Amino acid sequence: MLAAKLSPDGRRTQRIRCHIRGTLEYMGHKLDIRILDISRTGMALKLEGWIEAKRGATVAVRCAELGHIEGSVRWYRAGKMGVEFEQTSNSVAQITAYFRNFHRDPRNLVPA
């Protein structure tokens, strides 16, 4: 069995810092958020308030750059939340389009 290669901070995928404003939706509640960083598999959020989502809960993020994307809460503390994307063909296409349109660095995270 092969071990996953981790970055120096222990993450499996490279993150790109950003400051995207959006909305977090959970069980009919909406909360303003800012996306702090994003990768092919998830994102870190700064919440502008409190929401009752726990680890494993399904949430949705809406913003102009990504549209509507769903994921699971991986962690939530001190006003910040980690969300792992659902690996559907739609979410993969949205993330791929985001990196192609907003991060043109040749070392970006999207395979050619």
Protein backbone atom coordinates (compact mmCIF):
# COMPACT_ATOMS: atom_id res chain seq x y z
CA MET A 1 0.00 0.00 0.00
CA LEU A 2 1.39 3.41 -0.97
CA ALA A 3 1.41 6.20 1.58
CA ALA A 4 -0.04 9.54 0.56
CA LYS A 5 2.56 12.25 0.07
CA LEU A 6 1.90 15.11 2.47
CA SER A 7 3.03 18.72 2.20
CA PRO A 8 5.18 20.25 4.99
CA ASP A 9 2.02 21.37 6.83
CA GLY A 10 0.52 17.84 6.67
CA ARG A 11 -1.98 18.43 3.86
CA ARG A 12 -2.48 16.02 0.98
CA THR A 13 -3.08 18.71 -1.66
CA GLN A 14 -1.54 22.11 -2.29
CA ARG A 15 -3.66 25.08 -1.21
CA ILE A 16 -3.84 28.49 -2.87
CA ARG A 17 -4.63 31.48 -0.68
CA CYS A 18 -7.53 33.64 -1.77
CA HIS A 19 -10.08 36.10 -0.37
CA ILE A 20 -13.37 35.22 -2.04
CA ARG A 21 -16.62 36.40 -0.49
CA GLY A 22 -19.58 34.06 -0.53
CA THR A 23 -22.38 32.41 1.43
CA LEU A 24 -22.42 29.19 3.45
CA GLU A 25 -25.74 27.31 3.52
CA TYR A 26 -26.62 24.71 6.14
CA MET A 27 -30.10 23.33 6.87
CA GLY A 28 -31.88 26.43 5.59
CA HIS A 29 -29.55 28.88 7.35
CA LYS A 30 -27.24 31.20 5.42
CA LEU A 31 -24.08 32.88 6.65
CA ASP A 32 -21.64 35.26 4.96
CA ILE A 33 -18.18 33.75 4.59
CA ARG A 34 -14.78 34.45 3.09
CA ILE A 35 -12.84 31.63 1.43
CA LEU A 36 -9.28 31.82 2.80
CA ASP A 37 -7.68 29.08 0.73
CA ILE A 38 -8.73 26.49 -1.80
CA SER A 39 -7.40 23.25 -3.30
CA ARG A 40 -8.73 20.57 -5.63
CA THR A 41 -10.24 18.77 -2.65
CA GLY A 42 -11.46 21.46 -0.26
CA MET A 43 -11.34 24.95 1.16
CA ALA A 44 -10.87 26.85 4.41
CA LEU A 45 -13.53 29.41 5.33
CA LYS A 46 -13.76 32.36 7.71
CA LEU A 47 -17.33 32.61 8.98
CA GLU A 48 -19.00 35.97 9.65
CA GLY A 49 -21.04 34.53 12.50
CA TRP A 50 -21.89 31.14 13.97
CA ILE A 51 -23.67 28.17 12.46
CA GLU A 52 -24.53 24.82 14.07
CA ALA A 53 -22.80 22.57 11.52
CA LYS A 54 -20.70 19.78 13.01
CA ARG A 55 -17.93 17.61 11.54
CA GLY A 56 -19.40 15.45 8.76
CA ALA A 57 -22.36 17.78 8.08
CA THR A 58 -23.14 18.57 4.44
CA VAL A 59 -22.89 22.27 3.62
CA ALA A 60 -23.07 24.33 0.43
CA VAL A 61 -20.93 27.31 -0.55
CA ARG A 62 -22.08 29.88 -3.09
CA CYS A 63 -19.88 32.53 -4.69
CA ALA A 64 -19.45 34.15 -8.09
CA GLU A 65 -16.14 32.40 -8.77
CA LEU A 66 -17.30 28.83 -8.01
CA GLY A 67 -21.07 28.93 -8.24
CA HIS A 68 -22.82 26.45 -5.91
CA ILE A 69 -20.62 23.68 -4.54
CA GLU A 70 -21.34 21.13 -1.80
CA GLY A 71 -19.02 19.50 0.67
CA SER A 72 -18.61 18.03 4.14
CA VAL A 73 -17.37 19.84 7.23
CA ARG A 74 -13.94 18.45 8.16
CA TRP A 75 -13.28 20.81 11.08
CA TYR A 76 -14.86 23.90 12.68
CA ARG A 77 -13.21 26.08 15.32
CA ALA A 78 -12.55 29.71 16.24
CA GLY A 79 -14.79 31.09 13.49
CA LYS A 80 -13.13 29.05 10.74
CA MET A 81 -14.23 25.90 8.94
CA GLY A 82 -12.62 23.33 6.66
CA VAL A 83 -14.83 21.89 3.92
CA GLU A 84 -13.99 18.84 1.80
CA PHE A 85 -15.69 18.93 -1.61
CA GLU A 86 -18.10 16.21 -2.69
CA GLN A 87 -16.26 14.40 -5.49
CA THR A 88 -19.03 14.59 -8.10
CA SER A 89 -18.39 15.29 -11.78
CA ASN A 90 -20.06 18.68 -11.33
CA SER A 91 -17.89 19.79 -8.40
CA VAL A 92 -14.72 18.55 -10.10
CA ALA A 93 -15.65 20.57 -13.22
CA GLN A 94 -16.33 23.68 -11.11
CA ILE A 95 -13.00 23.47 -9.30
CA THR A 96 -11.12 22.76 -12.54
CA ALA A 97 -12.74 25.80 -14.18
CA TYR A 98 -11.89 27.96 -11.15
CA PHE A 99 -8.19 27.08 -11.32
CA ARG A 100 -8.04 27.48 -15.10
CA ASN A 101 -9.72 30.90 -15.01
CA PHE A 102 -8.28 32.41 -11.85
CA HIS A 103 -4.85 30.76 -11.39
CA ARG A 104 -2.90 30.65 -14.61
CA ASP A 105 0.37 29.66 -12.95
CA PRO A 106 1.81 26.72 -14.93
CA ARG A 107 2.33 24.87 -11.64
CA ASN A 108 -1.37 25.20 -10.75
CA LEU A 109 -3.36 22.30 -9.44
CA VAL A 110 -5.29 21.31 -12.56
CA PRO A 111 -3.85 18.59 -14.78
CA ALA A 112 -3.62 19.47 -18.46
